[in-house]
Amino acid sequence: MFNAQYFRTFITLVETGSFTRTARRLEMTQPGVSQHVRKLEQYLGRSLLERQGRRFALTEAGRRAYDYALKLFAEHEQFRHSLDDESLDSGECRLASPGSVGLMLYPFILGQQQMHTGLTVSYSFAFNHEIVSDVLAGRHDLGIVTEAVRHPEVDCEVWHQEPLCLVVPADFAGTGLADLMGIGFISYSDGVNHADTLLRCNFPQEFRSMSHFPRQGFTNEVSMVLDAVARGLGFTVVSRLVLETSPWQRQVKELSLPQPVHETLHLVTRRGSRMPRRYARLLDAFREHRRHERYGHGEPSMESVGAVESGEGTS
């Protein structure tokens, strides 16, 4: 007999790699996990695991069963959420973004949840490739990524743009590339690409490559990169979202540059899926919030709007 819980247990087992951790996560006993796997193997008529003591590896049938189970639950979740997709103020929101976006977007969405108590929010911080994989697997309805995605099963559209900022220690007195080379570069996951784009655009005659800059450090957590800058260890280039939410923003400063460059954010969904209206409301509200933050409650100048919407100064 088909039993969805057996597939759920099997997915968790593959993802945790451990019967013990699976039992803990699902609040089951370890023998209960083993029984679910045996029942699933009996139902499918195939061995799913090659057991090696306490460890295991997936058989070919196991890999195919795992892929099928992911698609099964993705379709189930889409169906379940589609039943209340017209509500603006209630329902679950399952989305993911890099930390550079989530540092401001997640607290904003929590504020919306406080105003609309029927909303529930599941928000994940992840790298671009992880976000795309999780959207395809149905773990998230919506992903926000910092690069355009080309995949046959994904819809990707431009959503929003934020300025990139050249950030230096508060006591930095330099102005040019030679001064920046003197203190070195603090990198993070998107750091080299952002710095390359911004510096190449603003120092077209002098800039050659980020490989010419001494590398003073790296962190995979973008929210922490300005700690190193605040300590005088180097400079970095981050989205304005990161700078404005950083606890070290008073210990650093942004160098003014003649040519603005923006990071473009994209929305990623499974191809053909229809997003519930509550997502559009949240995303539109956040963009309006950012417009007020950057331009005040008056209308921005046409020049400013045109520069952003046309992608002027973007990579």
Protein backbone atom coordinates (compact mmCIF):
# COMPACT_ATOMS: atom_id res chain seq x y z
CA MET A 1 0.00 0.00 0.00
CA PHE A 2 1.25 3.49 -0.86
CA ASN A 3 2.23 5.43 2.27
CA ALA A 4 3.52 8.99 1.91
CA GLN A 5 5.09 8.88 5.37
CA TYR A 6 7.46 6.12 4.25
CA PHE A 7 8.68 8.39 1.46
CA ARG A 8 9.01 11.32 3.91
CA THR A 9 11.13 9.18 6.24
CA PHE A 10 13.27 8.03 3.32
CA ILE A 11 13.88 11.63 2.15
CA THR A 12 14.96 12.63 5.66
CA LEU A 13 17.24 9.61 5.95
CA VAL A 14 19.01 10.44 2.69
CA GLU A 15 19.40 14.10 3.64
CA THR A 16 20.70 13.44 7.17
CA GLY A 17 22.75 10.36 6.26
CA SER A 18 21.91 8.83 9.62
CA PHE A 19 19.14 6.65 11.09
CA THR A 20 19.74 8.28 14.48
CA ARG A 21 19.47 11.86 13.19
CA THR A 22 16.41 10.91 11.13
CA ALA A 23 14.68 9.50 14.19
CA ARG A 24 15.51 12.63 16.17
CA ARG A 25 14.30 14.99 13.44
CA LEU A 26 11.03 13.11 12.87
CA GLU A 27 10.52 12.39 16.59
CA MET A 28 10.50 8.65 15.94
CA THR A 29 12.42 5.69 17.30
CA GLN A 30 15.37 4.38 15.30
CA PRO A 31 13.65 0.98 14.81
CA GLY A 32 10.64 2.92 13.52
CA VAL A 33 12.82 4.56 10.86
CA SER A 34 14.23 1.17 9.84
CA GLN A 35 10.71 -0.24 9.61
CA HIS A 36 9.57 2.59 7.32
CA VAL A 37 12.51 1.94 5.00
CA ARG A 38 11.80 -1.82 4.94
CA LYS A 39 8.12 -1.19 4.22
CA LEU A 40 9.03 1.14 1.38
CA GLU A 41 11.46 -1.43 -0.05
CA GLN A 42 8.72 -4.06 0.14
CA TYR A 43 6.24 -1.75 -1.58
CA LEU A 44 8.68 -0.96 -4.41
CA GLY A 45 10.11 -4.46 -4.60
CA ARG A 46 13.67 -3.14 -4.64
CA SER A 47 16.51 -2.62 -2.17
CA LEU A 48 17.04 1.11 -1.66
CA LEU A 49 20.12 1.02 0.55
CA GLU A 50 23.42 -0.80 0.57
CA ARG A 51 24.11 -1.09 4.29
CA GLN A 52 27.73 -0.84 5.43
CA GLY A 53 27.65 -1.21 9.21
CA ARG A 54 26.17 2.03 10.56
CA ARG A 55 26.64 3.68 7.20
CA PHE A 56 24.76 3.17 3.98
CA ALA A 57 24.85 4.08 0.31
CA LEU A 58 21.93 4.44 -2.08
CA THR A 59 21.32 1.80 -4.71
CA GLU A 60 20.27 2.89 -8.18
CA ALA A 61 16.67 2.22 -7.16
CA GLY A 62 17.29 4.27 -4.00
CA ARG A 63 18.50 7.26 -5.99
CA ARG A 64 15.50 7.08 -8.27
CA ALA A 65 13.13 6.71 -5.30
CA TYR A 66 14.67 9.77 -3.65
CA ASP A 67 14.27 11.87 -6.82
CA TYR A 68 10.68 10.71 -7.19
CA ALA A 69 9.90 11.44 -3.54
CA LEU A 70 11.21 15.00 -3.89
CA LYS A 71 8.98 15.61 -6.90
CA LEU A 72 6.04 13.99 -5.14
CA PHE A 73 6.24 16.26 -2.11
CA ALA A 74 7.00 19.33 -4.22
CA GLU A 75 3.80 18.80 -6.17
CA HIS A 76 1.90 18.11 -2.95
CA GLU A 77 3.14 21.34 -1.34
CA GLN A 78 2.32 23.36 -4.44
CA PHE A 79 -1.19 21.92 -4.46
CA ARG A 80 -1.71 22.61 -0.78
CA HIS A 81 -0.53 26.20 -1.01
CA SER A 82 -2.50 26.82 -4.20
CA LEU A 83 -5.74 26.29 -2.31
CA ASP A 84 -5.40 29.65 -0.53
CA ASP A 85 -3.43 31.59 -3.13
CA GLU A 86 -5.95 34.45 -3.32
CA SER A 87 -5.52 35.52 0.29
CA LEU A 88 -3.31 38.57 0.83
CA ASP A 89 -3.14 38.33 4.62
CA SER A 90 -2.95 34.63 5.40
CA GLY A 91 -1.12 31.49 4.36
CA GLU A 92 2.45 30.23 4.50
CA CYS A 93 5.33 32.02 2.76
CA ARG A 94 8.29 29.77 1.97
CA LEU A 95 11.20 31.63 0.45
CA ALA A 96 14.97 31.84 0.42
CA SER A 97 17.64 34.37 -0.42
CA PRO A 98 21.35 35.01 0.09
CA GLY A 99 22.28 36.67 3.36
CA SER A 100 22.98 39.97 1.61
CA VAL A 101 19.25 40.23 0.80
CA GLY A 102 17.79 38.49 3.82
CA LEU A 103 19.52 40.77 6.34
CA MET A 104 16.88 43.40 5.54
CA LEU A 105 14.11 41.45 3.78
CA TYR A 106 13.58 38.86 6.54
CA PRO A 107 13.03 41.44 9.34
CA PHE A 108 10.74 43.37 6.99
CA ILE A 109 8.63 40.26 6.33
CA LEU A 110 8.48 39.52 10.06
CA GLY A 111 7.06 43.02 10.51
CA GLN A 112 4.39 42.21 7.93
CA GLN A 113 3.64 38.99 9.80
CA GLN A 114 3.11 40.98 13.00
CA MET A 115 0.52 43.12 11.20
CA HIS A 116 -1.14 40.14 9.48
CA THR A 117 -1.19 37.33 12.03
CA GLY A 118 -2.62 34.86 9.51
CA LEU A 119 0.74 34.80 7.71
CA THR A 120 3.44 32.28 8.57
CA VAL A 121 6.99 32.62 7.27
CA SER A 122 9.64 30.03 6.52
CA TYR A 123 12.78 31.89 5.41
CA SER A 124 16.10 30.29 4.51
CA PHE A 125 19.47 31.95 4.00
CA ALA A 126 21.43 30.12 1.30
CA PHE A 127 23.73 30.48 -1.70
CA ASN A 128 22.31 30.95 -5.19
CA HIS A 129 22.79 27.34 -6.36
CA GLU A 130 21.24 25.96 -3.17
CA ILE A 131 18.23 28.23 -3.58
CA VAL A 132 17.59 27.05 -7.14
CA SER A 133 17.90 23.40 -6.09
CA ASP A 134 15.49 23.88 -3.18
CA VAL A 135 12.93 25.68 -5.35
CA LEU A 136 13.06 22.82 -7.85
CA ALA A 137 12.66 20.32 -5.01
CA GLY A 138 9.63 22.19 -3.67
CA ARG A 139 11.23 23.21 -0.37
CA HIS A 140 10.62 26.87 -1.23
CA ASP A 141 7.93 28.47 -3.36
CA LEU A 142 10.14 31.42 -4.21
CA GLY A 143 13.84 32.12 -4.36
CA ILE A 144 15.67 35.44 -4.62
CA VAL A 145 19.10 35.18 -6.25
CA THR A 146 21.83 37.61 -7.26
CA GLU A 147 22.46 36.09 -10.70
CA ALA A 148 20.16 35.29 -13.61
CA VAL A 149 19.30 31.59 -13.77
CA ARG A 150 18.95 29.62 -16.99
CA HIS A 151 17.29 26.27 -16.35
CA PRO A 152 14.55 24.49 -18.30
CA GLU A 153 12.42 24.00 -15.18
CA VAL A 154 12.85 27.49 -13.72
CA ASP A 155 11.25 30.87 -14.38
CA CYS A 156 13.59 33.76 -13.56
CA GLU A 157 12.69 37.45 -13.67
CA VAL A 158 14.35 40.70 -12.62
CA TRP A 159 12.84 41.99 -9.39
CA HIS A 160 14.89 44.73 -7.73
CA GLN A 161 18.23 46.54 -7.77
CA GLU A 162 20.44 47.78 -4.95
CA PRO A 163 23.59 49.94 -5.22
CA LEU A 164 26.97 48.38 -4.60
CA CYS A 165 29.06 50.24 -2.02
CA LEU A 166 32.84 50.52 -1.73
CA VAL A 167 33.36 50.29 2.05
CA VAL A 168 36.59 51.22 3.85
CA PRO A 169 37.62 51.72 7.50
CA ALA A 170 36.30 54.95 9.03
CA ASP A 171 39.80 56.45 9.28
CA PHE A 172 40.79 55.58 5.69
CA ALA A 173 42.16 58.72 4.01
CA GLY A 174 42.86 57.41 0.50
CA THR A 175 40.87 57.93 -2.69
CA GLY A 176 42.40 55.81 -5.46
CA LEU A 177 43.24 52.25 -6.40
CA ALA A 178 46.80 52.48 -5.07
CA ASP A 179 45.41 53.42 -1.63
CA LEU A 180 42.99 50.51 -1.73
CA MET A 181 45.78 48.13 -2.68
CA GLY A 182 47.67 49.41 0.33
CA ILE A 183 45.06 48.09 2.77
CA GLY A 184 43.98 44.99 0.82
CA PHE A 185 40.65 43.32 0.12
CA ILE A 186 38.27 41.45 2.44
CA SER A 187 36.28 38.94 0.39
CA TYR A 188 33.11 36.87 0.74
CA SER A 189 31.12 34.64 -1.60
CA ASP A 190 30.17 37.34 -4.13
CA GLY A 191 32.87 39.77 -3.07
CA VAL A 192 35.36 39.41 -5.91
CA ASN A 193 32.69 39.71 -8.60
CA HIS A 194 31.11 42.76 -6.97
CA ALA A 195 34.44 44.47 -6.44
CA ASP A 196 35.60 43.69 -9.98
CA THR A 197 32.41 45.18 -11.47
CA LEU A 198 32.42 48.32 -9.34
CA LEU A 199 36.12 49.12 -9.64
CA ARG A 200 36.31 48.33 -13.36
CA CYS A 201 33.44 50.73 -14.00
CA ASN A 202 34.88 53.57 -11.91
CA PHE A 203 38.60 53.17 -12.68
CA PRO A 204 38.52 52.03 -16.32
CA GLN A 205 42.06 53.21 -17.11
CA GLU A 206 43.78 51.89 -13.99
CA PHE A 207 41.92 48.75 -12.93
CA ARG A 208 43.12 45.42 -14.31
CA SER A 209 42.06 42.58 -12.03
CA MET A 210 41.15 41.86 -8.43
CA SER A 211 44.06 39.42 -8.39
CA HIS A 212 46.35 42.45 -8.07
CA PHE A 213 44.88 43.33 -4.65
CA PRO A 214 46.32 41.69 -1.52
CA ARG A 215 43.71 39.31 -0.08
CA GLN A 216 43.37 40.15 3.59
CA GLY A 217 40.70 37.63 4.47
CA PHE A 218 37.50 35.79 3.54
CA THR A 219 34.22 34.89 5.24
CA ASN A 220 31.29 32.97 3.80
CA GLU A 221 28.93 35.04 5.97
CA VAL A 222 28.40 38.40 4.30
CA SER A 223 26.88 39.92 7.45
CA MET A 224 30.29 39.58 9.15
CA VAL A 225 32.52 41.01 6.43
CA LEU A 226 32.27 44.60 7.69
CA ASP A 227 33.65 43.53 11.08
CA ALA A 228 37.03 43.02 9.39
CA VAL A 229 36.73 46.36 7.57
CA ALA A 230 35.82 48.16 10.82
CA ARG A 231 39.01 46.75 12.38
CA GLY A 232 41.07 48.37 9.62
CA LEU A 233 42.03 45.06 7.97
CA GLY A 234 40.98 46.00 4.44
CA PHE A 235 38.18 47.21 2.18
CA THR A 236 35.25 45.40 0.58
CA VAL A 237 32.31 45.94 -1.81
CA VAL A 238 28.82 45.02 -0.61
CA SER A 239 25.20 45.71 -1.43
CA ARG A 240 23.72 48.73 0.32
CA LEU A 241 21.37 46.30 2.09
CA VAL A 242 24.40 44.85 3.89
CA LEU A 243 25.84 48.25 4.78
CA GLU A 244 22.56 49.62 6.13
CA THR A 245 21.92 46.59 8.36
CA SER A 246 25.47 46.18 9.65
CA PRO A 247 26.20 46.77 13.36
CA TRP A 248 29.58 48.14 12.22
CA GLN A 249 28.24 50.82 9.90
CA ARG A 250 29.48 53.58 12.25
CA GLN A 251 33.00 52.14 12.20
CA VAL A 252 33.23 52.14 8.41
CA LYS A 253 32.44 54.54 5.60
CA GLU A 254 31.40 54.36 1.99
CA LEU A 255 33.71 55.94 -0.56
CA SER A 256 31.82 58.10 -3.02
CA LEU A 257 32.34 57.04 -6.66
CA PRO A 258 31.29 58.83 -9.85
CA GLN A 259 29.62 55.85 -11.55
CA PRO A 260 26.85 53.97 -9.69
CA VAL A 261 26.72 50.21 -10.10
CA HIS A 262 23.78 48.09 -8.96
CA GLU A 263 23.33 44.50 -7.93
CA THR A 264 20.32 43.03 -9.72
CA LEU A 265 18.11 40.64 -7.76
CA HIS A 266 16.06 37.98 -9.55
CA LEU A 267 12.97 36.00 -8.54
CA VAL A 268 13.15 32.25 -9.15
CA THR A 269 10.11 29.95 -9.25
CA ARG A 270 9.33 26.55 -10.70
CA ARG A 271 8.34 26.95 -14.33
CA GLY A 272 4.60 27.24 -14.78
CA SER A 273 3.83 27.67 -11.07
CA ARG A 274 1.48 30.44 -9.96
CA MET A 275 2.57 32.39 -6.93
CA PRO A 276 -0.10 33.14 -4.29
CA ARG A 277 -0.99 36.83 -4.19
CA ARG A 278 0.52 37.25 -0.72
CA TYR A 279 4.01 36.93 -2.23
CA ALA A 280 3.45 39.77 -4.67
CA ARG A 281 2.12 41.93 -1.85
CA LEU A 282 5.19 41.29 0.31
CA LEU A 283 7.65 41.89 -2.52
CA ASP A 284 5.92 45.07 -3.68
CA ALA A 285 5.76 46.38 -0.13
CA PHE A 286 9.48 45.79 0.35
CA ARG A 287 10.36 47.64 -2.86
CA GLU A 288 8.18 50.55 -1.75
CA HIS A 289 9.92 50.49 1.63
CA ARG A 290 13.32 50.66 -0.09
CA ARG A 291 12.15 53.50 -2.33
CA HIS A 292 11.18 55.50 0.77
CA GLU A 293 14.47 54.64 2.45
CA ARG A 294 16.50 55.87 -0.51
CA TYR A 295 14.44 58.80 -1.77
CA GLY A 296 12.21 59.79 1.15
CA HIS A 297 8.45 59.88 0.95
CA GLY A 298 8.50 62.21 -2.03
CA GLU A 299 8.81 60.89 -5.54
CA PRO A 300 12.38 60.11 -6.68
CA SER A 301 13.75 62.13 -9.54
CA MET A 302 13.17 60.76 -13.02
CA GLU A 303 16.92 60.59 -13.51
CA SER A 304 17.33 58.36 -10.47
CA VAL A 305 14.47 56.07 -11.42
CA GLY A 306 15.67 55.81 -14.99
CA ALA A 307 19.20 54.90 -13.96
CA VAL A 308 17.97 52.01 -11.83
CA GLU A 309 15.20 50.70 -14.05
CA SER A 310 17.28 50.82 -17.21
CA GLY A 311 20.13 49.02 -15.47
CA GLU A 312 22.50 51.96 -15.99
CA GLY A 313 25.79 51.23 -14.30
CA THR A 314 24.95 47.58 -13.75
CA SER A 315 27.04 44.65 -14.68
